Amino acid sequence: MTRESTESYPLPTADDTEQVAADDYKIVTLEALVRMKLNSYRRKDQIHLLDLVSLGLINASWLPRLVPEHAARLQQLLDDPDG
């Protein structure tokens, strides 16, 4: 998902260039996926992020590379995974 204007949606979203080839199709990069999940931040997105945490794919080391609002959301999940 991409947004045409950052003015209408201030948080960074995934860009269509943030993909990698996988056989006959392309998939979004992990960083872009995490940004999408942190943007939406519905409970199901939070669960997906917690799954990525439990698999060791994301952790507190990601916080500095995120915009402040995203970092706060990820920190909240890391601090209280049961919400």
Protein backbone atom coordinates (compact mmCIF):
# COMPACT_ATOMS: atom_id res chain seq x y z
CA MET A 1 0.00 0.00 0.00
CA THR A 2 1.30 3.39 -0.86
CA ARG A 3 -0.10 6.85 -0.29
CA GLU A 4 0.15 9.55 -2.92
CA SER A 5 0.50 12.44 -0.48
CA THR A 6 2.23 12.46 2.87
CA GLU A 7 0.20 15.58 3.71
CA SER A 8 -2.98 13.52 4.10
CA TYR A 9 -1.21 10.74 5.97
CA PRO A 10 1.84 12.01 7.86
CA LEU A 11 3.38 8.69 8.93
CA PRO A 12 5.70 6.94 6.47
CA THR A 13 4.03 4.10 4.62
CA ALA A 14 5.46 1.33 2.51
CA ASP A 15 6.72 2.31 -0.89
CA ASP A 16 6.15 0.08 -3.90
CA THR A 17 9.93 -0.10 -4.36
CA GLU A 18 10.30 -1.82 -0.96
CA GLN A 19 9.95 -5.33 -2.23
CA VAL A 20 12.06 -8.36 -2.91
CA ALA A 21 11.68 -11.07 -5.53
CA ALA A 22 10.45 -14.47 -4.42
CA ASP A 23 10.10 -16.98 -7.25
CA ASP A 24 7.46 -15.58 -9.62
CA TYR A 25 6.19 -12.84 -7.33
CA LYS A 26 7.39 -10.03 -5.10
CA ILE A 27 6.96 -9.54 -1.37
CA VAL A 28 7.22 -6.45 0.78
CA THR A 29 10.38 -6.04 2.88
CA LEU A 30 10.21 -6.68 6.62
CA GLU A 31 10.86 -3.01 7.38
CA ALA A 32 8.00 -1.90 5.13
CA LEU A 33 5.69 -4.52 6.65
CA VAL A 34 6.52 -3.34 10.18
CA ARG A 35 5.79 0.27 9.17
CA MET A 36 2.44 -0.76 7.67
CA LYS A 37 1.50 -2.65 10.84
CA LEU A 38 2.57 0.25 13.06
CA ASN A 39 0.55 2.67 10.91
CA SER A 40 -2.67 0.67 11.08
CA TYR A 41 -2.09 -0.51 14.64
CA ARG A 42 -5.39 -2.39 14.87
CA ARG A 43 -5.40 -5.23 17.37
CA LYS A 44 -4.74 -7.76 14.60
CA ASP A 45 -1.75 -5.67 13.46
CA GLN A 46 -0.50 -5.58 17.04
CA ILE A 47 -0.77 -9.39 17.20
CA HIS A 48 1.18 -9.68 13.93
CA LEU A 49 3.89 -7.41 15.37
CA LEU A 50 4.00 -9.47 18.57
CA ASP A 51 4.42 -12.59 16.42
CA LEU A 52 7.40 -10.94 14.72
CA VAL A 53 8.81 -10.08 18.15
CA SER A 54 8.36 -13.67 19.40
CA LEU A 55 10.18 -14.95 16.31
CA GLY A 56 13.07 -12.57 17.00
CA LEU A 57 12.56 -10.66 13.75
CA ILE A 58 11.96 -7.32 15.47
CA ASN A 59 12.99 -6.05 18.90
CA ALA A 60 14.00 -2.88 20.75
CA SER A 61 16.93 -2.38 18.37
CA TRP A 62 14.35 -1.24 15.78
CA LEU A 63 13.23 1.75 17.87
CA PRO A 64 15.91 4.25 16.71
CA ARG A 65 15.13 3.72 13.03
CA LEU A 66 11.40 4.38 13.42
CA VAL A 67 9.60 7.71 13.47
CA PRO A 68 8.68 8.71 17.05
CA GLU A 69 5.02 7.64 16.85
CA HIS A 70 5.94 4.23 15.45
CA ALA A 71 8.70 3.81 18.03
CA ALA A 72 6.23 4.61 20.83
CA ARG A 73 3.78 2.03 19.51
CA LEU A 74 6.45 -0.65 19.24
CA GLN A 75 7.77 0.19 22.70
CA GLN A 76 4.25 -0.14 24.08
CA LEU A 77 4.01 -3.65 22.62
CA LEU A 78 7.43 -4.60 23.93
CA ASP A 79 6.59 -3.28 27.41
CA ASP A 80 3.12 -4.84 27.62
CA PRO A 81 2.58 -7.59 25.05
CA ASP A 82 -0.79 -8.52 26.58
CA GLY A 83 -2.09 -4.99 26.09
